[in-house]
C-alpha atoms as a PDB file:
ATOM      1  CA  MET A   1     -17.832   5.659 -25.554  1.00  0.00           C
ATOM      2  CA  ASN A   2     -15.439   7.730 -27.382  1.00  0.00           C
ATOM      3  CA  ARG A   3     -17.365   7.582 -30.957  1.00  0.00           C
ATOM      4  CA  TYR A   4     -16.433  11.343 -31.478  1.00  0.00           C
ATOM      5  CA  GLU A   5     -12.594  10.952 -30.807  1.00  0.00           C
ATOM      6  CA  GLY A   6     -10.921  13.362 -33.412  1.00  0.00           C
ATOM      7  CA  ARG A   7     -14.321  14.048 -35.168  1.00  0.00           C
ATOM      8  CA  ARG A   8     -15.378  17.720 -36.124  1.00  0.00           C
ATOM      9  CA  VAL A   9     -18.729  18.639 -35.453  1.00  0.00           C
ATOM     10  CA  LEU A  10     -21.150  21.935 -36.170  1.00  0.00           C
ATOM     11  CA  ILE A  11     -24.298  22.038 -33.910  1.00  0.00           C
ATOM     12  CA  THR A  12     -26.709  24.855 -34.478  1.00  0.00           C
ATOM     13  CA  GLY A  13     -29.277  25.894 -31.768  1.00  0.00           C
ATOM     14  CA  ALA A  14     -26.584  25.228 -29.444  1.00  0.00           C
ATOM     15  CA  GLY A  15     -27.325  27.601 -26.833  1.00  0.00           C
ATOM     16  CA  SER A  16     -30.362  25.927 -25.040  1.00  0.00           C
ATOM     17  CA  GLY A  17     -32.573  22.672 -24.941  1.00  0.00           C
ATOM     18  CA  ILE A  18     -31.420  19.746 -27.247  1.00  0.00           C
ATOM     19  CA  GLY A  19     -28.826  21.714 -29.196  1.00  0.00           C
ATOM     20  CA  GLN A  20     -27.115  22.349 -25.902  1.00  0.00           C
ATOM     21  CA  ALA A  21     -27.498  18.904 -24.702  1.00  0.00           C
ATOM     22  CA  THR A  22     -25.871  17.695 -27.980  1.00  0.00           C
ATOM     23  CA  VAL A  23     -22.873  19.872 -27.703  1.00  0.00           C
ATOM     24  CA  HIS A  24     -22.370  18.236 -24.208  1.00  0.00           C
ATOM     25  CA  ARG A  25     -23.082  15.110 -25.441  1.00  0.00           C
ATOM     26  CA  VAL A  26     -20.304  15.106 -28.621  1.00  0.00           C
ATOM     27  CA  LEU A  27     -17.900  16.665 -26.395  1.00  0.00           C
ATOM     28  CA  ALA A  28     -18.239  14.124 -23.623  1.00  0.00           C
ATOM     29  CA  GLU A  29     -17.417  11.634 -26.297  1.00  0.00           C
ATOM     30  CA  GLY A  30     -14.329  13.170 -27.712  1.00  0.00           C
ATOM     31  CA  GLY A  31     -15.722  15.315 -30.534  1.00  0.00           C
ATOM     32  CA  LEU A  32     -14.205  18.772 -31.478  1.00  0.00           C
ATOM     33  CA  VAL A  33     -17.330  21.284 -31.702  1.00  0.00           C
ATOM     34  CA  VAL A  34     -18.569  24.533 -32.921  1.00  0.00           C
ATOM     35  CA  ALA A  35     -21.415  25.546 -31.146  1.00  0.00           C
ATOM     36  CA  ALA A  36     -23.771  28.143 -33.113  1.00  0.00           C
ATOM     37  CA  ASP A  37     -26.749  30.102 -32.092  1.00  0.00           C
ATOM     38  CA  VAL A  38     -28.640  33.400 -32.337  1.00  0.00           C
ATOM     39  CA  ASN A  39     -28.503  33.853 -28.542  1.00  0.00           C
ATOM     40  CA  GLU A  40     -25.285  34.650 -27.223  1.00  0.00           C
ATOM     41  CA  VAL A  41     -26.301  34.609 -23.592  1.00  0.00           C
ATOM     42  CA  GLY A  42     -27.111  30.960 -24.314  1.00  0.00           C
ATOM     43  CA  LEU A  43     -23.949  30.133 -25.860  1.00  0.00           C
ATOM     44  CA  LYS A  44     -21.771  31.637 -22.951  1.00  0.00           C
ATOM     45  CA  ALA A  45     -23.905  29.043 -20.622  1.00  0.00           C
ATOM     46  CA  THR A  46     -23.240  26.533 -23.249  1.00  0.00           C
ATOM     47  CA  TYR A  47     -19.627  27.429 -22.847  1.00  0.00           C
ATOM     48  CA  GLY A  48     -19.543  27.413 -19.118  1.00  0.00           C
ATOM     49  CA  VAL A  49     -20.962  24.088 -18.583  1.00  0.00           C
ATOM     50  CA  ALA A  50     -18.241  22.887 -20.915  1.00  0.00           C
ATOM     51  CA  GLU A  51     -15.492  24.577 -18.745  1.00  0.00           C
ATOM     52  CA  ALA A  52     -16.891  23.026 -15.525  1.00  0.00           C
ATOM     53  CA  ASN A  53     -16.845  19.374 -17.320  1.00  0.00           C
ATOM     54  CA  GLY A  54     -13.256  20.043 -18.353  1.00  0.00           C
ATOM     55  CA  THR A  55     -13.959  20.031 -22.559  1.00  0.00           C
ATOM     56  CA  ALA A  56     -14.201  23.600 -23.085  1.00  0.00           C
ATOM     57  CA  GLY A  57     -10.761  22.962 -24.980  1.00  0.00           C
ATOM     58  CA  ARG A  58     -12.424  21.487 -27.905  1.00  0.00           C
ATOM     59  CA  LEU A  59     -15.480  23.662 -28.063  1.00  0.00           C
ATOM     60  CA  THR A  60     -15.814  27.011 -30.031  1.00  0.00           C
ATOM     61  CA  THR A  61     -18.837  29.193 -29.719  1.00  0.00           C
ATOM     62  CA  THR A  62     -20.459  31.173 -32.562  1.00  0.00           C
ATOM     63  CA  VAL A  63     -23.108  33.721 -32.841  1.00  0.00           C
ATOM     64  CA  LEU A  64     -25.365  32.788 -35.906  1.00  0.00           C
ATOM     65  CA  ASP A  65     -28.535  33.841 -37.311  1.00  0.00           C
ATOM     66  CA  ILE A  66     -29.420  30.702 -39.590  1.00  0.00           C
ATOM     67  CA  SER A  67     -32.286  32.412 -41.244  1.00  0.00           C
ATOM     68  CA  ASP A  68     -29.665  34.624 -42.766  1.00  0.00           C
ATOM     69  CA  GLU A  69     -28.137  33.860 -46.068  1.00  0.00           C
ATOM     70  CA  THR A  70     -25.008  36.110 -45.647  1.00  0.00           C
ATOM     71  CA  GLU A  71     -24.266  35.162 -42.131  1.00  0.00           C
ATOM     72  CA  VAL A  72     -24.615  31.279 -42.881  1.00  0.00           C
ATOM     73  CA  ARG A  73     -22.318  31.460 -45.511  1.00  0.00           C
ATOM     74  CA  THR A  74     -19.409  33.440 -43.347  1.00  0.00           C
ATOM     75  CA  GLY A  75     -20.337  31.361 -40.118  1.00  0.00           C
ATOM     76  CA  VAL A  76     -20.022  27.786 -41.790  1.00  0.00           C
ATOM     77  CA  ALA A  77     -16.869  28.989 -43.673  1.00  0.00           C
ATOM     78  CA  ALA A  78     -15.552  30.060 -40.117  1.00  0.00           C
ATOM     79  CA  ALA A  79     -16.390  26.988 -38.276  1.00  0.00           C
ATOM     80  CA  VAL A  80     -14.498  24.945 -40.905  1.00  0.00           C
ATOM     81  CA  ALA A  81     -11.645  26.698 -40.582  1.00  0.00           C
ATOM     82  CA  ALA A  82     -12.086  26.575 -36.681  1.00  0.00           C
ATOM     83  CA  LEU A  83     -12.523  22.638 -37.084  1.00  0.00           C
ATOM     84  CA  GLY A  84      -9.863  21.677 -39.770  1.00  0.00           C
ATOM     85  CA  GLY A  85     -12.996  20.283 -41.721  1.00  0.00           C
ATOM     86  CA  LEU A  86     -16.271  19.118 -41.069  1.00  0.00           C
ATOM     87  CA  ASP A  87     -17.698  15.546 -40.646  1.00  0.00           C
ATOM     88  CA  VAL A  88     -20.921  16.037 -39.083  1.00  0.00           C
ATOM     89  CA  LEU A  89     -23.493  18.667 -38.956  1.00  0.00           C
ATOM     90  CA  VAL A  90     -26.321  19.040 -36.554  1.00  0.00           C
ATOM     91  CA  ASN A  91     -29.030  21.236 -37.466  1.00  0.00           C
ATOM     92  CA  ALA A  92     -31.000  21.432 -34.011  1.00  0.00           C
ATOM     93  CA  ALA A  93     -31.633  25.163 -34.362  1.00  0.00           C
ATOM     94  CA  GLY A  94     -35.531  26.250 -34.832  1.00  0.00           C
ATOM     95  CA  ILE A  95     -38.262  28.043 -33.515  1.00  0.00           C
ATOM     96  CA  LEU A  96     -42.142  27.105 -32.092  1.00  0.00           C
ATOM     97  CA  ARG A  97     -44.784  29.658 -32.451  1.00  0.00           C
ATOM     98  CA  SER A  98     -48.524  28.641 -31.917  1.00  0.00           C
ATOM     99  CA  GLU A  99     -51.734  30.536 -33.155  1.00  0.00           C
ATOM    100  CA  HIS A 100     -55.029  29.746 -34.515  1.00  0.00           C
ATOM    101  CA  THR A 101     -54.703  29.572 -38.608  1.00  0.00           C
ATOM    102  CA  HIS A 102     -57.032  32.295 -39.424  1.00  0.00           C
ATOM    103  CA  ARG A 103     -55.186  34.685 -37.064  1.00  0.00           C
ATOM    104  CA  THR A 104     -51.715  33.998 -38.659  1.00  0.00           C
ATOM    105  CA  THR A 105     -50.374  36.473 -40.493  1.00  0.00           C
ATOM    106  CA  LEU A 106     -48.114  35.958 -43.501  1.00  0.00           C
ATOM    107  CA  GLU A 107     -44.935  37.490 -41.785  1.00  0.00           C
ATOM    108  CA  PHE A 108     -45.818  34.990 -38.672  1.00  0.00           C
ATOM    109  CA  PHE A 109     -45.905  32.099 -41.155  1.00  0.00           C
ATOM    110  CA  ASN A 110     -42.563  33.228 -43.018  1.00  0.00           C
ATOM    111  CA  GLU A 111     -40.700  33.760 -39.858  1.00  0.00           C
ATOM    112  CA  ILE A 112     -41.180  30.193 -38.672  1.00  0.00           C
ATOM    113  CA  LEU A 113     -40.316  28.867 -42.092  1.00  0.00           C
ATOM    114  CA  ALA A 114     -37.339  31.194 -42.535  1.00  0.00           C
ATOM    115  CA  VAL A 115     -35.823  29.799 -39.385  1.00  0.00           C
ATOM    116  CA  ASN A 116     -36.791  26.262 -39.421  1.00  0.00           C
ATOM    117  CA  LEU A 117     -36.792  25.478 -43.087  1.00  0.00           C
ATOM    118  CA  THR A 118     -34.779  27.702 -45.008  1.00  0.00           C
ATOM    119  CA  GLY A 119     -32.272  28.116 -42.011  1.00  0.00           C
ATOM    120  CA  THR A 120     -31.967  24.438 -42.456  1.00  0.00           C
ATOM    121  CA  PHE A 121     -31.563  24.578 -45.946  1.00  0.00           C
ATOM    122  CA  LEU A 122     -28.822  27.169 -46.085  1.00  0.00           C
ATOM    123  CA  MET A 123     -26.628  25.490 -43.231  1.00  0.00           C
ATOM    124  CA  ILE A 124     -26.695  22.166 -45.278  1.00  0.00           C
ATOM    125  CA  ARG A 125     -25.974  24.006 -48.535  1.00  0.00           C
ATOM    126  CA  GLU A 126     -23.038  25.652 -47.309  1.00  0.00           C
ATOM    127  CA  SER A 127     -21.605  22.572 -45.222  1.00  0.00           C
ATOM    128  CA  ILE A 128     -21.870  19.991 -47.939  1.00  0.00           C
ATOM    129  CA  PRO A 129     -18.582  20.863 -49.666  1.00  0.00           C
ATOM    130  CA  ALA A 130     -16.563  20.346 -46.409  1.00  0.00           C
ATOM    131  CA  LEU A 131     -18.696  17.376 -45.696  1.00  0.00           C
ATOM    132  CA  LEU A 132     -18.052  15.637 -48.961  1.00  0.00           C
ATOM    133  CA  ALA A 133     -14.464  15.934 -47.791  1.00  0.00           C
ATOM    134  CA  GLY A 134     -14.790  14.887 -44.239  1.00  0.00           C
ATOM    135  CA  ASP A 135     -14.776  11.414 -42.543  1.00  0.00           C
ATOM    136  CA  ARG A 136     -17.745   9.582 -42.800  1.00  0.00           C
ATOM    137  CA  PRO A 137     -19.707  12.611 -42.961  1.00  0.00           C
ATOM    138  CA  ALA A 138     -23.362  12.975 -41.850  1.00  0.00           C
ATOM    139  CA  VAL A 139     -26.073  15.448 -41.151  1.00  0.00           C
ATOM    140  CA  VAL A 140     -28.772  15.083 -38.584  1.00  0.00           C
ATOM    141  CA  ASN A 141     -31.704  17.528 -39.234  1.00  0.00           C
ATOM    142  CA  PHE A 142     -34.510  18.250 -36.874  1.00  0.00           C
ATOM    143  CA  SER A 143     -38.147  17.205 -37.751  1.00  0.00           C
ATOM    144  CA  SER A 144     -40.790  16.589 -34.874  1.00  0.00           C
ATOM    145  CA  THR A 145     -43.692  14.633 -34.507  1.00  0.00           C
ATOM    146  CA  SER A 146     -45.907  17.732 -35.869  1.00  0.00           C
ATOM    147  CA  ALA A 147     -44.494  16.728 -39.268  1.00  0.00           C
ATOM    148  CA  SER A 148     -46.632  13.536 -39.217  1.00  0.00           C
ATOM    149  CA  PHE A 149     -49.517  14.074 -36.490  1.00  0.00           C
ATOM    150  CA  ALA A 150     -51.750  16.264 -35.958  1.00  0.00           C
ATOM    151  CA  HIS A 151     -51.024  19.181 -33.362  1.00  0.00           C
ATOM    152  CA  PRO A 152     -53.836  22.197 -33.361  1.00  0.00           C
ATOM    153  CA  TYR A 153     -52.614  25.777 -33.670  1.00  0.00           C
ATOM    154  CA  MET A 154     -49.090  24.705 -35.177  1.00  0.00           C
ATOM    155  CA  SER A 155     -49.735  24.671 -38.719  1.00  0.00           C
ATOM    156  CA  ALA A 156     -46.596  26.869 -39.802  1.00  0.00           C
ATOM    157  CA  TYR A 157     -44.513  24.912 -37.616  1.00  0.00           C
ATOM    158  CA  ALA A 158     -45.861  21.414 -39.043  1.00  0.00           C
ATOM    159  CA  ALA A 159     -45.444  22.825 -42.589  1.00  0.00           C
ATOM    160  CA  SER A 160     -41.624  23.772 -41.803  1.00  0.00           C
ATOM    161  CA  LYS A 161     -40.796  20.330 -39.827  1.00  0.00           C
ATOM    162  CA  GLY A 162     -42.672  18.462 -42.657  1.00  0.00           C
ATOM    163  CA  GLY A 163     -40.169  20.242 -45.186  1.00  0.00           C
ATOM    164  CA  ILE A 164     -37.233  19.239 -42.959  1.00  0.00           C
ATOM    165  CA  GLN A 165     -38.278  15.775 -43.416  1.00  0.00           C
ATOM    166  CA  SER A 166     -39.030  15.388 -46.779  1.00  0.00           C
ATOM    167  CA  MET A 167     -35.924  17.399 -47.736  1.00  0.00           C
ATOM    168  CA  THR A 168     -33.838  14.733 -45.672  1.00  0.00           C
ATOM    169  CA  HIS A 169     -35.009  12.048 -47.761  1.00  0.00           C
ATOM    170  CA  ALA A 170     -34.445  13.970 -51.043  1.00  0.00           C
ATOM    171  CA  LEU A 171     -30.703  14.736 -49.675  1.00  0.00           C
ATOM    172  CA  ALA A 172     -29.957  11.295 -48.915  1.00  0.00           C
ATOM    173  CA  ALA A 173     -30.712  10.017 -52.228  1.00  0.00           C
ATOM    174  CA  GLU A 174     -29.124  12.755 -53.984  1.00  0.00           C
ATOM    175  CA  TYR A 175     -25.436  12.150 -52.082  1.00  0.00           C
ATOM    176  CA  SER A 176     -26.028   8.866 -51.243  1.00  0.00           C
ATOM    177  CA  LYS A 177     -23.194   7.502 -53.667  1.00  0.00           C
ATOM    178  CA  GLN A 178     -20.843  10.251 -52.295  1.00  0.00           C
ATOM    179  CA  GLY A 179     -21.071   8.850 -48.766  1.00  0.00           C
ATOM    180  CA  LEU A 180     -22.951  11.225 -47.164  1.00  0.00           C
ATOM    181  CA  ARG A 181     -25.840  10.422 -44.939  1.00  0.00           C
ATOM    182  CA  PHE A 182     -28.795  12.370 -44.404  1.00  0.00           C
ATOM    183  CA  VAL A 183     -31.047  11.600 -41.092  1.00  0.00           C
ATOM    184  CA  ALA A 184     -33.898  13.437 -39.020  1.00  0.00           C
ATOM    185  CA  VAL A 185     -34.971  12.978 -35.825  1.00  0.00           C
ATOM    186  CA  ALA A 186     -38.484  13.842 -34.582  1.00  0.00           C
ATOM    187  CA  PRO A 187     -38.744  14.472 -31.100  1.00  0.00           C
ATOM    188  CA  GLY A 188     -41.968  14.658 -29.118  1.00  0.00           C
ATOM    189  CA  SER A 189     -42.929  15.243 -25.366  1.00  0.00           C
ATOM    190  CA  ILE A 190     -39.424  16.621 -24.567  1.00  0.00           C
ATOM    191  CA  SER A 191     -39.225  19.257 -22.059  1.00  0.00           C
ATOM    192  CA  SER A 192     -36.965  22.479 -23.321  1.00  0.00           C
ATOM    193  CA  ASP A 193     -37.480  26.210 -23.441  1.00  0.00           C
ATOM    194  CA  MET A 194     -39.074  25.709 -26.685  1.00  0.00           C
ATOM    195  CA  THR A 195     -42.113  23.787 -24.915  1.00  0.00           C
ATOM    196  CA  SER A 196     -41.881  24.834 -21.403  1.00  0.00           C
ATOM    197  CA  GLY A 197     -43.360  28.270 -19.816  1.00  0.00           C
ATOM    198  CA  ASN A 198     -39.970  29.867 -21.493  1.00  0.00           C
ATOM    199  CA  GLY A 199     -41.746  29.167 -24.905  1.00  0.00           C
ATOM    200  CA  PRO A 200     -44.385  30.694 -26.678  1.00  0.00           C
ATOM    201  CA  GLY A 201     -47.257  28.422 -25.434  1.00  0.00           C
ATOM    202  CA  LEU A 202     -50.661  27.732 -26.847  1.00  0.00           C
ATOM    203  CA  PRO A 203     -53.081  30.543 -27.791  1.00  0.00           C
ATOM    204  CA  ALA A 204     -54.826  31.474 -24.572  1.00  0.00           C
ATOM    205  CA  ASP A 205     -58.072  30.356 -25.668  1.00  0.00           C
ATOM    206  CA  ALA A 206     -56.835  27.019 -26.986  1.00  0.00           C
ATOM    207  CA  ASP A 207     -59.281  23.860 -26.912  1.00  0.00           C
ATOM    208  CA  MET A 208     -57.145  21.300 -25.237  1.00  0.00           C
ATOM    209  CA  SER A 209     -59.957  18.703 -26.399  1.00  0.00           C
ATOM    210  CA  LEU A 210     -58.143  19.058 -29.825  1.00  0.00           C
ATOM    211  CA  PHE A 211     -55.226  17.194 -28.603  1.00  0.00           C
ATOM    212  CA  VAL A 212     -56.139  13.377 -28.596  1.00  0.00           C
ATOM    213  CA  LYS A 213     -53.110  12.515 -26.674  1.00  0.00           C
ATOM    214  CA  LEU A 214     -50.597  14.512 -24.674  1.00  0.00           C
ATOM    215  CA  ALA A 215     -48.679  12.150 -22.437  1.00  0.00           C
ATOM    216  CA  PRO A 216     -46.127  10.065 -23.533  1.00  0.00           C
ATOM    217  CA  ALA A 217     -46.964   6.164 -22.665  1.00  0.00           C
ATOM    218  CA  LEU A 218     -43.480   5.682 -21.068  1.00  0.00           C
ATOM    219  CA  GLY A 219     -41.894   7.063 -18.126  1.00  0.00           C
ATOM    220  CA  GLU A 220     -43.857   9.777 -15.963  1.00  0.00           C
ATOM    221  CA  GLY A 221     -43.975  12.808 -18.165  1.00  0.00           C
ATOM    222  CA  PHE A 222     -41.668  14.684 -20.703  1.00  0.00           C
ATOM    223  CA  ALA A 223     -38.397  13.754 -21.230  1.00  0.00           C
ATOM    224  CA  SER A 224     -35.281  15.567 -20.881  1.00  0.00           C
ATOM    225  CA  PRO A 225     -33.125  17.207 -23.815  1.00  0.00           C
ATOM    226  CA  ASP A 226     -30.317  14.388 -23.201  1.00  0.00           C
ATOM    227  CA  THR A 227     -32.750  11.990 -24.345  1.00  0.00           C
ATOM    228  CA  VAL A 228     -32.643  13.188 -27.609  1.00  0.00           C
ATOM    229  CA  ALA A 229     -29.048  14.206 -27.580  1.00  0.00           C
ATOM    230  CA  SER A 230     -28.045  10.388 -27.224  1.00  0.00           C
ATOM    231  CA  VAL A 231     -30.065   9.733 -30.305  1.00  0.00           C
ATOM    232  CA  VAL A 232     -28.254  12.454 -32.295  1.00  0.00           C
ATOM    233  CA  ALA A 233     -24.833  11.334 -31.227  1.00  0.00           C
ATOM    234  CA  MET A 234     -25.562   7.555 -32.384  1.00  0.00           C
ATOM    235  CA  LEU A 235     -27.131   8.764 -35.701  1.00  0.00           C
ATOM    236  CA  GLY A 236     -24.048  11.045 -36.406  1.00  0.00           C
ATOM    237  CA  SER A 237     -21.491   8.456 -35.501  1.00  0.00           C
ATOM    238  CA  GLU A 238     -20.346   5.340 -36.711  1.00  0.00           C
ATOM    239  CA  ASP A 239     -23.135   3.320 -35.119  1.00  0.00           C
ATOM    240  CA  GLY A 240     -25.503   4.947 -37.265  1.00  0.00           C
ATOM    241  CA  ALA A 241     -23.321   4.238 -40.633  1.00  0.00           C
ATOM    242  CA  PHE A 242     -26.257   2.077 -42.501  1.00  0.00           C
ATOM    243  CA  ILE A 243     -28.901   4.796 -41.367  1.00  0.00           C
ATOM    244  CA  THR A 244     -29.986   7.370 -44.013  1.00  0.00           C
ATOM    245  CA  GLY A 245     -32.758   8.935 -45.729  1.00  0.00           C
ATOM    246  CA  THR A 246     -35.249   8.350 -42.902  1.00  0.00           C
ATOM    247  CA  GLU A 247     -36.317   9.977 -39.680  1.00  0.00           C
ATOM    248  CA  ILE A 248     -36.218   8.404 -36.107  1.00  0.00           C
ATOM    249  CA  ARG A 249     -39.378   9.516 -33.752  1.00  0.00           C
ATOM    250  CA  ILE A 250     -38.370   9.900 -30.186  1.00  0.00           C
ATOM    251  CA  ASP A 251     -41.564  10.772 -28.289  1.00  0.00           C
ATOM    252  CA  GLY A 252     -42.009   8.049 -25.819  1.00  0.00           C
ATOM    253  CA  GLY A 253     -45.124   6.531 -27.285  1.00  0.00           C
ATOM    254  CA  THR A 254     -47.079   9.646 -27.222  1.00  0.00           C
ATOM    255  CA  HIS A 255     -48.084   9.127 -30.860  1.00  0.00           C
ATOM    256  CA  TYR A 256     -48.357   5.324 -31.825  1.00  0.00           C
END
C-alpha cells in the first residue's frame, strides 16, 4: 500500500513503542515523516531502522519535549518547514505512572497531565494552521482503555487520557466544516516500553485482585506496537476519511 505517498506526517513519541512503529508504518507506505521525541537515543534507533529499511531519506528526527510550550512552538514550525506543510499529526507521546492515589503528590499528578494532556493540546494548537492548509488533514490522538475502564493505581493517567478523549470530540466538532478530522485510538494490552519491565510498573504492594481482567480475549498475550500502528495509519489515511470525533479501542477484547 502507498496510502501516504507524498503525505507529510508529524509523529510524537517516535523514539520507542507505538510511536516508533507508526513512523516505520507510515514510511513504508510512502510518507514523509518528522519523528519527534524527548529521547534522543530512541530517535537515533528509529532512524537506524529506517536506514536499514531504505526509508531514511524521507525521515527527519527532532528532539522535542511536548510539555514545553516554547519547544512545541519552535518544533512544530521547524517540522512544517522541513516537510513543506503538514497533512497528518499523530500524538503518540505519553507517560504512564502508577501509584496509590492517597500517596500521589500534586507534582506527580501534574507531570502526567503536562505531558499527556497539555502536551497533546500544545501540539494540536501549534499544528492547526498548517493542517488546515494541508491535504485531507487529520489528527490521531492517543487515549487509552484507562479513559473508559477501571485501572487501579492509575487515576492521574486515566484523567489525562479521558481529557484527550473528550478533547478529540470537541475538536472534531469545531473543525469539521474546515475538513480537519480528529480521531483517537485507545490501546490496551499492548506490549511496549510503557507497559513492560522498562516502564514504571505498578506499586510494589498493588492488589492484583482489583484488576477484573488482564488478558485479552484474542491471541495468546499482549499485542505488539505494530498492531496499533496499523490502525493509526488507516485513520490518518484516506481510508479513514469518514471517521472523526470518535475513538477506536484496540485491546483484543480485554474490555468488552
